[in-house]
Amino acid sequence: MKTTANASSDELDRIADAYDRRTGDGLPLPVHLIRRDRERHYSALLDSVGLPSRSRMRLLEVGCGGGSELHRFIELGLRPENLVGVELLEERAAAARESLPPEVEIRQGDASQMSGEDGVFDVVFASTVFTSILDDDLQTRLAKEMMRLVRPEGLILWYDFIYNNPRNGDVRGVAVRRIRELFPGMEIVTRRTTLAPPIARRVIRLGDRAYRLLHAIPLLRTHVVAAIRRPRTGAGA
């Protein structure tokens, strides 16, 4: 029987191999529209009660990849010296260091086993991370680490898809039900976003308006932005 440590190591190796194999289906996504939709939600949440101003906000991204999302947060007004990214794959961490301002701290390693004091970040962010983890225990440990690192009044900001992809066995959807299991005792608000990528790749050939018309149908949206917080003391009193 494998120990928990061995099982986690196997899962991390599988994730690394899956990223090495990952390719698209040949049709481009309308990235500008997908980004605009989700960043509208991000902006509202970053300005919500209990968080400092964006210029003072300390944010950690788990699974930061090559740094594209951290670039977006800088564009949204966060300061590079207040940003930290952690990335499993050494080459992707190196790419993030290369592309981002030198003030951004990039750590390479397993985000479920980070060092550091409890509650040091105002926002802990994960984008399409949990769907790449097929091991339930590793998902749970990563969620616990995120809860440990966010300050009591802070925000865990989540973006990921909720349905399985039958064409990709390296990922699985994370339903809202599972998000609630991963973050027990937390207040969780979700918003559906992102037109299903197979539809989006085809409809964008008809223009942005066609994408918008289909995106307006909630059942065709495959991702959620989630705001995950500790219950506020005295809320509703």
C-alpha atoms as a PDB file:
ATOM      1  CA  MET A   1       0.000   0.000   0.000  1.00  0.00           C
ATOM      2  CA  LYS A   2       1.307   3.465  -0.897  1.00  0.00           C
ATOM      3  CA  THR A   3       1.868   5.990   1.848  1.00  0.00           C
ATOM      4  CA  THR A   4       0.206   9.400   1.581  1.00  0.00           C
ATOM      5  CA  ALA A   5       3.572  10.974   0.759  1.00  0.00           C
ATOM      6  CA  ASN A   6       4.225   8.501  -2.057  1.00  0.00           C
ATOM      7  CA  ALA A   7       0.717   8.948  -3.456  1.00  0.00           C
ATOM      8  CA  SER A   8       1.167  12.729  -3.450  1.00  0.00           C
ATOM      9  CA  SER A   9       4.503  12.429  -5.223  1.00  0.00           C
ATOM     10  CA  ASP A  10       2.920  10.214  -7.893  1.00  0.00           C
ATOM     11  CA  GLU A  11       0.117  12.729  -8.414  1.00  0.00           C
ATOM     12  CA  LEU A  12       2.545  15.644  -8.730  1.00  0.00           C
ATOM     13  CA  ASP A  13       4.526  13.671 -11.316  1.00  0.00           C
ATOM     14  CA  ARG A  14       1.305  12.916 -13.223  1.00  0.00           C
ATOM     15  CA  ILE A  15       0.351  16.610 -13.253  1.00  0.00           C
ATOM     16  CA  ALA A  16       3.776  17.568 -14.592  1.00  0.00           C
ATOM     17  CA  ASP A  17       3.519  14.940 -17.360  1.00  0.00           C
ATOM     18  CA  ALA A  18       0.001  16.122 -18.254  1.00  0.00           C
ATOM     19  CA  TYR A  19       1.180  19.706 -18.720  1.00  0.00           C
ATOM     20  CA  ASP A  20       3.992  18.480 -20.958  1.00  0.00           C
ATOM     21  CA  ARG A  21       1.429  16.742 -23.203  1.00  0.00           C
ATOM     22  CA  ARG A  22      -1.157  19.500 -23.192  1.00  0.00           C
ATOM     23  CA  THR A  23      -2.157  20.861 -26.602  1.00  0.00           C
ATOM     24  CA  GLY A  24      -5.112  22.721 -28.025  1.00  0.00           C
ATOM     25  CA  ASP A  25      -7.590  21.474 -30.622  1.00  0.00           C
ATOM     26  CA  GLY A  26      -6.337  23.756 -33.385  1.00  0.00           C
ATOM     27  CA  LEU A  27      -8.967  26.488 -33.039  1.00  0.00           C
ATOM     28  CA  PRO A  28      -8.124  29.634 -31.035  1.00  0.00           C
ATOM     29  CA  LEU A  29     -10.114  30.702 -28.003  1.00  0.00           C
ATOM     30  CA  PRO A  30     -11.455  34.273 -27.787  1.00  0.00           C
ATOM     31  CA  VAL A  31      -9.125  34.964 -24.880  1.00  0.00           C
ATOM     32  CA  HIS A  32      -9.915  38.699 -24.790  1.00  0.00           C
ATOM     33  CA  LEU A  33     -13.606  38.021 -24.137  1.00  0.00           C
ATOM     34  CA  ILE A  34     -13.025  35.227 -21.623  1.00  0.00           C
ATOM     35  CA  ARG A  35     -10.573  37.413 -19.707  1.00  0.00           C
ATOM     36  CA  ARG A  36     -12.864  40.435 -19.755  1.00  0.00           C
ATOM     37  CA  ASP A  37     -15.767  38.434 -18.324  1.00  0.00           C
ATOM     38  CA  ARG A  38     -13.866  36.946 -15.422  1.00  0.00           C
ATOM     39  CA  GLU A  39     -11.868  40.094 -14.650  1.00  0.00           C
ATOM     40  CA  ARG A  40     -15.147  41.955 -14.233  1.00  0.00           C
ATOM     41  CA  HIS A  41     -15.863  39.596 -11.321  1.00  0.00           C
ATOM     42  CA  TYR A  42     -12.303  39.870 -10.010  1.00  0.00           C
ATOM     43  CA  SER A  43     -12.494  43.675  -9.941  1.00  0.00           C
ATOM     44  CA  ALA A  44     -15.707  43.707  -7.925  1.00  0.00           C
ATOM     45  CA  LEU A  45     -14.301  41.198  -5.421  1.00  0.00           C
ATOM     46  CA  LEU A  46     -10.951  42.966  -5.019  1.00  0.00           C
ATOM     47  CA  ASP A  47     -12.869  46.099  -3.999  1.00  0.00           C
ATOM     48  CA  SER A  48     -15.121  44.287  -1.522  1.00  0.00           C
ATOM     49  CA  VAL A  49     -15.428  45.017   2.191  1.00  0.00           C
ATOM     50  CA  GLY A  50     -12.576  43.836   4.406  1.00  0.00           C
ATOM     51  CA  LEU A  51      -9.770  44.063   1.852  1.00  0.00           C
ATOM     52  CA  PRO A  52      -7.138  46.812   1.697  1.00  0.00           C
ATOM     53  CA  SER A  53      -6.749  49.040  -1.331  1.00  0.00           C
ATOM     54  CA  ARG A  54      -5.289  47.363  -4.400  1.00  0.00           C
ATOM     55  CA  SER A  55      -2.016  49.243  -3.993  1.00  0.00           C
ATOM     56  CA  ARG A  56      -1.533  47.637  -0.552  1.00  0.00           C
ATOM     57  CA  MET A  57      -3.115  44.243  -1.272  1.00  0.00           C
ATOM     58  CA  ARG A  58      -0.860  41.207  -0.784  1.00  0.00           C
ATOM     59  CA  LEU A  59      -1.794  38.377  -3.150  1.00  0.00           C
ATOM     60  CA  LEU A  60      -0.564  34.807  -3.550  1.00  0.00           C
ATOM     61  CA  GLU A  61      -1.290  32.802  -6.693  1.00  0.00           C
ATOM     62  CA  VAL A  62      -1.016  29.022  -6.396  1.00  0.00           C
ATOM     63  CA  GLY A  63      -0.134  27.370  -9.692  1.00  0.00           C
ATOM     64  CA  CYS A  64       0.963  30.624 -11.300  1.00  0.00           C
ATOM     65  CA  GLY A  65       2.297  28.978 -14.482  1.00  0.00           C
ATOM     66  CA  GLY A  66       4.238  31.396 -16.645  1.00  0.00           C
ATOM     67  CA  GLY A  67       2.854  34.424 -14.812  1.00  0.00           C
ATOM     68  CA  SER A  68       0.063  35.581 -17.118  1.00  0.00           C
ATOM     69  CA  GLU A  69      -2.509  35.987 -14.332  1.00  0.00           C
ATOM     70  CA  LEU A  70      -0.048  37.869 -12.137  1.00  0.00           C
ATOM     71  CA  HIS A  71       0.448  40.248 -15.075  1.00  0.00           C
ATOM     72  CA  ARG A  72      -3.315  40.780 -15.104  1.00  0.00           C
ATOM     73  CA  PHE A  73      -3.367  41.638 -11.390  1.00  0.00           C
ATOM     74  CA  ILE A  74      -0.644  44.215 -11.947  1.00  0.00           C
ATOM     75  CA  GLU A  75      -2.836  45.719 -14.683  1.00  0.00           C
ATOM     76  CA  LEU A  76      -5.715  45.744 -12.173  1.00  0.00           C
ATOM     77  CA  GLY A  77      -3.666  47.919  -9.819  1.00  0.00           C
ATOM     78  CA  LEU A  78      -1.818  45.518  -7.509  1.00  0.00           C
ATOM     79  CA  ARG A  79       1.831  46.298  -6.912  1.00  0.00           C
ATOM     80  CA  PRO A  80       4.519  43.805  -8.010  1.00  0.00           C
ATOM     81  CA  GLU A  81       6.256  43.817  -4.639  1.00  0.00           C
ATOM     82  CA  ASN A  82       3.022  42.594  -3.020  1.00  0.00           C
ATOM     83  CA  LEU A  83       2.626  39.577  -5.331  1.00  0.00           C
ATOM     84  CA  VAL A  84       3.835  36.014  -4.798  1.00  0.00           C
ATOM     85  CA  GLY A  85       3.422  33.095  -7.189  1.00  0.00           C
ATOM     86  CA  VAL A  86       4.120  29.437  -6.526  1.00  0.00           C
ATOM     87  CA  GLU A  87       4.493  26.981  -9.407  1.00  0.00           C
ATOM     88  CA  LEU A  88       5.115  23.217  -9.410  1.00  0.00           C
ATOM     89  CA  LEU A  89       7.035  23.016 -12.687  1.00  0.00           C
ATOM     90  CA  GLU A  90      10.539  24.420 -12.725  1.00  0.00           C
ATOM     91  CA  GLU A  91      10.446  25.590 -16.354  1.00  0.00           C
ATOM     92  CA  ARG A  92       7.150  27.422 -15.867  1.00  0.00           C
ATOM     93  CA  ALA A  93       8.422  29.079 -12.689  1.00  0.00           C
ATOM     94  CA  ALA A  94      11.503  30.203 -14.633  1.00  0.00           C
ATOM     95  CA  ALA A  95       9.262  31.621 -17.363  1.00  0.00           C
ATOM     96  CA  ALA A  96       7.287  33.563 -14.750  1.00  0.00           C
ATOM     97  CA  ARG A  97      10.467  35.040 -13.286  1.00  0.00           C
ATOM     98  CA  GLU A  98      11.585  36.037 -16.768  1.00  0.00           C
ATOM     99  CA  SER A  99       8.317  37.685 -17.807  1.00  0.00           C
ATOM    100  CA  LEU A 100       7.307  39.452 -14.580  1.00  0.00           C
ATOM    101  CA  PRO A 101       8.848  42.477 -12.861  1.00  0.00           C
ATOM    102  CA  PRO A 102      11.710  41.439 -10.568  1.00  0.00           C
ATOM    103  CA  GLU A 103       9.767  42.613  -7.501  1.00  0.00           C
ATOM    104  CA  VAL A 104       7.307  39.709  -7.906  1.00  0.00           C
ATOM    105  CA  GLU A 105       8.373  36.724  -5.794  1.00  0.00           C
ATOM    106  CA  ILE A 106       8.158  33.387  -7.619  1.00  0.00           C
ATOM    107  CA  ARG A 107       8.569  30.169  -5.667  1.00  0.00           C
ATOM    108  CA  GLN A 108       9.007  26.776  -7.309  1.00  0.00           C
ATOM    109  CA  GLY A 109       7.493  23.791  -5.526  1.00  0.00           C
ATOM    110  CA  ASP A 110       4.373  22.093  -4.205  1.00  0.00           C
ATOM    111  CA  ALA A 111       1.806  24.711  -3.157  1.00  0.00           C
ATOM    112  CA  SER A 112       0.176  22.254  -0.751  1.00  0.00           C
ATOM    113  CA  GLN A 113       3.312  22.356   1.399  1.00  0.00           C
ATOM    114  CA  MET A 114       4.340  25.992   1.613  1.00  0.00           C
ATOM    115  CA  SER A 115       6.338  27.526   4.386  1.00  0.00           C
ATOM    116  CA  GLY A 116       5.392  30.810   5.988  1.00  0.00           C
ATOM    117  CA  GLU A 117       3.267  32.288   8.702  1.00  0.00           C
ATOM    118  CA  ASP A 118      -0.487  31.846   8.908  1.00  0.00           C
ATOM    119  CA  GLY A 119      -2.721  34.535   7.471  1.00  0.00           C
ATOM    120  CA  VAL A 120      -0.124  36.603   5.622  1.00  0.00           C
ATOM    121  CA  PHE A 121      -2.066  37.203   2.387  1.00  0.00           C
ATOM    122  CA  ASP A 122      -5.115  39.358   1.731  1.00  0.00           C
ATOM    123  CA  VAL A 123      -6.015  37.266  -1.331  1.00  0.00           C
ATOM    124  CA  VAL A 124      -5.080  33.705  -2.248  1.00  0.00           C
ATOM    125  CA  PHE A 125      -5.896  32.989  -5.878  1.00  0.00           C
ATOM    126  CA  ALA A 126      -6.169  29.769  -7.903  1.00  0.00           C
ATOM    127  CA  SER A 127      -7.045  29.622 -11.597  1.00  0.00           C
ATOM    128  CA  THR A 128      -7.730  26.248 -13.270  1.00  0.00           C
ATOM    129  CA  VAL A 129      -5.581  24.490 -10.661  1.00  0.00           C
ATOM    130  CA  PHE A 130      -7.895  22.063  -8.880  1.00  0.00           C
ATOM    131  CA  THR A 131      -9.247  20.586 -12.112  1.00  0.00           C
ATOM    132  CA  SER A 132      -5.701  19.419 -12.894  1.00  0.00           C
ATOM    133  CA  ILE A 133      -5.502  17.502  -9.582  1.00  0.00           C
ATOM    134  CA  LEU A 134      -7.165  14.080  -9.757  1.00  0.00           C
ATOM    135  CA  ASP A 135      -6.147  13.007  -6.243  1.00  0.00           C
ATOM    136  CA  ASP A 136      -8.786  13.988  -3.669  1.00  0.00           C
ATOM    137  CA  ASP A 137      -6.318  14.069  -0.779  1.00  0.00           C
ATOM    138  CA  LEU A 138      -3.983  16.458  -2.617  1.00  0.00           C
ATOM    139  CA  GLN A 139      -6.915  18.715  -3.458  1.00  0.00           C
ATOM    140  CA  THR A 140      -7.894  18.749   0.215  1.00  0.00           C
ATOM    141  CA  ARG A 141      -4.373  19.540   1.405  1.00  0.00           C
ATOM    142  CA  LEU A 142      -4.018  22.383  -1.074  1.00  0.00           C
ATOM    143  CA  ALA A 143      -7.353  23.866   0.010  1.00  0.00           C
ATOM    144  CA  LYS A 144      -6.297  23.675   3.680  1.00  0.00           C
ATOM    145  CA  GLU A 145      -3.026  25.410   2.861  1.00  0.00           C
ATOM    146  CA  MET A 146      -4.885  28.180   1.067  1.00  0.00           C
ATOM    147  CA  MET A 147      -7.144  28.642   4.101  1.00  0.00           C
ATOM    148  CA  ARG A 148      -4.088  28.735   6.365  1.00  0.00           C
ATOM    149  CA  LEU A 149      -2.327  31.407   4.336  1.00  0.00           C
ATOM    150  CA  VAL A 150      -5.215  33.842   3.830  1.00  0.00           C
ATOM    151  CA  ARG A 151      -5.820  36.302   6.644  1.00  0.00           C
ATOM    152  CA  PRO A 152      -9.085  36.049   8.628  1.00  0.00           C
ATOM    153  CA  GLU A 153     -10.774  38.922   6.746  1.00  0.00           C
ATOM    154  CA  GLY A 154      -9.213  37.954   3.426  1.00  0.00           C
ATOM    155  CA  LEU A 155     -10.464  36.330   0.252  1.00  0.00           C
ATOM    156  CA  ILE A 156      -9.776  33.073  -1.540  1.00  0.00           C
ATOM    157  CA  LEU A 157     -10.448  33.814  -5.204  1.00  0.00           C
ATOM    158  CA  TRP A 158     -11.191  30.812  -7.433  1.00  0.00           C
ATOM    159  CA  TYR A 159     -11.623  30.366 -11.176  1.00  0.00           C
ATOM    160  CA  ASP A 160     -12.125  26.902 -12.638  1.00  0.00           C
ATOM    161  CA  PHE A 161     -14.450  24.738 -14.701  1.00  0.00           C
ATOM    162  CA  ILE A 162     -17.244  22.623 -13.277  1.00  0.00           C
ATOM    163  CA  TYR A 163     -17.793  19.946 -15.941  1.00  0.00           C
ATOM    164  CA  ASN A 164     -15.650  17.006 -16.980  1.00  0.00           C
ATOM    165  CA  ASN A 165     -13.941  17.206 -20.352  1.00  0.00           C
ATOM    166  CA  PRO A 166     -14.568  13.850 -22.082  1.00  0.00           C
ATOM    167  CA  ARG A 167     -11.647  14.547 -24.449  1.00  0.00           C
ATOM    168  CA  ASN A 168      -9.097  15.078 -21.684  1.00  0.00           C
ATOM    169  CA  GLY A 169      -8.591  12.445 -19.002  1.00  0.00           C
ATOM    170  CA  ASP A 170      -5.899  14.518 -17.297  1.00  0.00           C
ATOM    171  CA  VAL A 171      -8.473  16.883 -15.816  1.00  0.00           C
ATOM    172  CA  ARG A 172     -11.856  16.666 -14.155  1.00  0.00           C
ATOM    173  CA  GLY A 173     -14.450  19.293 -13.406  1.00  0.00           C
ATOM    174  CA  VAL A 174     -14.841  20.617  -9.885  1.00  0.00           C
ATOM    175  CA  ALA A 175     -18.517  21.148  -9.153  1.00  0.00           C
ATOM    176  CA  VAL A 176     -19.703  23.823  -6.731  1.00  0.00           C
ATOM    177  CA  ARG A 177     -20.621  20.992  -4.363  1.00  0.00           C
ATOM    178  CA  ARG A 178     -16.968  19.919  -4.304  1.00  0.00           C
ATOM    179  CA  ILE A 179     -15.770  23.487  -3.720  1.00  0.00           C
ATOM    180  CA  ARG A 180     -17.917  23.546  -0.579  1.00  0.00           C
ATOM    181  CA  GLU A 181     -16.412  20.230   0.545  1.00  0.00           C
ATOM    182  CA  LEU A 182     -12.895  21.543   0.041  1.00  0.00           C
ATOM    183  CA  PHE A 183     -13.507  24.716   2.074  1.00  0.00           C
ATOM    184  CA  PRO A 184     -15.742  23.615   4.986  1.00  0.00           C
ATOM    185  CA  GLY A 185     -17.121  26.340   7.191  1.00  0.00           C
ATOM    186  CA  MET A 186     -16.385  29.069   4.651  1.00  0.00           C
ATOM    187  CA  GLU A 187     -18.889  31.406   3.041  1.00  0.00           C
ATOM    188  CA  ILE A 188     -18.826  30.726  -0.704  1.00  0.00           C
ATOM    189  CA  VAL A 189     -20.443  32.802  -3.444  1.00  0.00           C
ATOM    190  CA  THR A 190     -20.128  31.638  -7.053  1.00  0.00           C
ATOM    191  CA  ARG A 191     -20.760  33.285 -10.410  1.00  0.00           C
ATOM    192  CA  ARG A 192     -20.989  31.345 -13.668  1.00  0.00           C
ATOM    193  CA  THR A 193     -18.772  32.637 -16.468  1.00  0.00           C
ATOM    194  CA  THR A 194     -16.911  31.589 -19.638  1.00  0.00           C
ATOM    195  CA  LEU A 195     -18.789  30.238 -22.633  1.00  0.00           C
ATOM    196  CA  ALA A 196     -17.991  26.535 -23.096  1.00  0.00           C
ATOM    197  CA  PRO A 197     -14.633  26.511 -24.928  1.00  0.00           C
ATOM    198  CA  PRO A 198     -15.694  24.107 -27.735  1.00  0.00           C
ATOM    199  CA  ILE A 199     -18.598  26.461 -28.524  1.00  0.00           C
ATOM    200  CA  ALA A 200     -16.520  29.603 -28.033  1.00  0.00           C
ATOM    201  CA  ARG A 201     -13.833  28.444 -30.473  1.00  0.00           C
ATOM    202  CA  ARG A 202     -16.408  28.046 -33.216  1.00  0.00           C
ATOM    203  CA  VAL A 203     -18.779  30.927 -32.587  1.00  0.00           C
ATOM    204  CA  ILE A 204     -16.030  33.542 -32.354  1.00  0.00           C
ATOM    205  CA  ARG A 205     -15.567  33.162 -36.106  1.00  0.00           C
ATOM    206  CA  LEU A 206     -18.903  34.996 -36.344  1.00  0.00           C
ATOM    207  CA  GLY A 207     -17.618  37.857 -34.198  1.00  0.00           C
ATOM    208  CA  ASP A 208     -17.705  39.108 -30.603  1.00  0.00           C
ATOM    209  CA  ARG A 209     -21.449  39.764 -30.715  1.00  0.00           C
ATOM    210  CA  ALA A 210     -22.185  36.098 -31.427  1.00  0.00           C
ATOM    211  CA  TYR A 211     -20.033  35.093 -28.451  1.00  0.00           C
ATOM    212  CA  ARG A 212     -21.895  37.554 -26.230  1.00  0.00           C
ATOM    213  CA  LEU A 213     -25.302  36.271 -27.300  1.00  0.00           C
ATOM    214  CA  LEU A 214     -24.437  32.694 -26.374  1.00  0.00           C
ATOM    215  CA  HIS A 215     -22.584  33.708 -23.217  1.00  0.00           C
ATOM    216  CA  ALA A 216     -25.835  35.263 -21.995  1.00  0.00           C
ATOM    217  CA  ILE A 217     -27.270  31.729 -21.654  1.00  0.00           C
ATOM    218  CA  PRO A 218     -26.201  30.511 -18.171  1.00  0.00           C
ATOM    219  CA  LEU A 219     -26.322  26.809 -19.065  1.00  0.00           C
ATOM    220  CA  LEU A 220     -23.630  27.351 -21.714  1.00  0.00           C
ATOM    221  CA  ARG A 221     -21.149  28.768 -19.194  1.00  0.00           C
ATOM    222  CA  THR A 222     -18.740  26.121 -17.956  1.00  0.00           C
ATOM    223  CA  HIS A 223     -16.626  27.925 -15.333  1.00  0.00           C
ATOM    224  CA  VAL A 224     -17.203  29.685 -12.044  1.00  0.00           C
ATOM    225  CA  VAL A 225     -15.557  32.531 -10.225  1.00  0.00           C
ATOM    226  CA  ALA A 226     -15.889  31.830  -6.508  1.00  0.00           C
ATOM    227  CA  ALA A 227     -15.379  34.165  -3.561  1.00  0.00           C
ATOM    228  CA  ILE A 228     -14.464  32.088  -0.511  1.00  0.00           C
ATOM    229  CA  ARG A 229     -14.304  33.768   2.908  1.00  0.00           C
ATOM    230  CA  ARG A 230     -14.502  32.998   6.581  1.00  0.00           C
ATOM    231  CA  PRO A 231     -17.885  33.956   8.048  1.00  0.00           C
ATOM    232  CA  ARG A 232     -17.842  37.517   9.333  1.00  0.00           C
ATOM    233  CA  THR A 233     -18.330  37.808  13.070  1.00  0.00           C
ATOM    234  CA  GLY A 234     -21.622  39.458  13.866  1.00  0.00           C
ATOM    235  CA  ALA A 235     -22.830  39.331  10.270  1.00  0.00           C
ATOM    236  CA  GLY A 236     -26.547  39.854  10.125  1.00  0.00           C
ATOM    237  CA  ALA A 237     -26.735  41.008  13.760  1.00  0.00           C
END
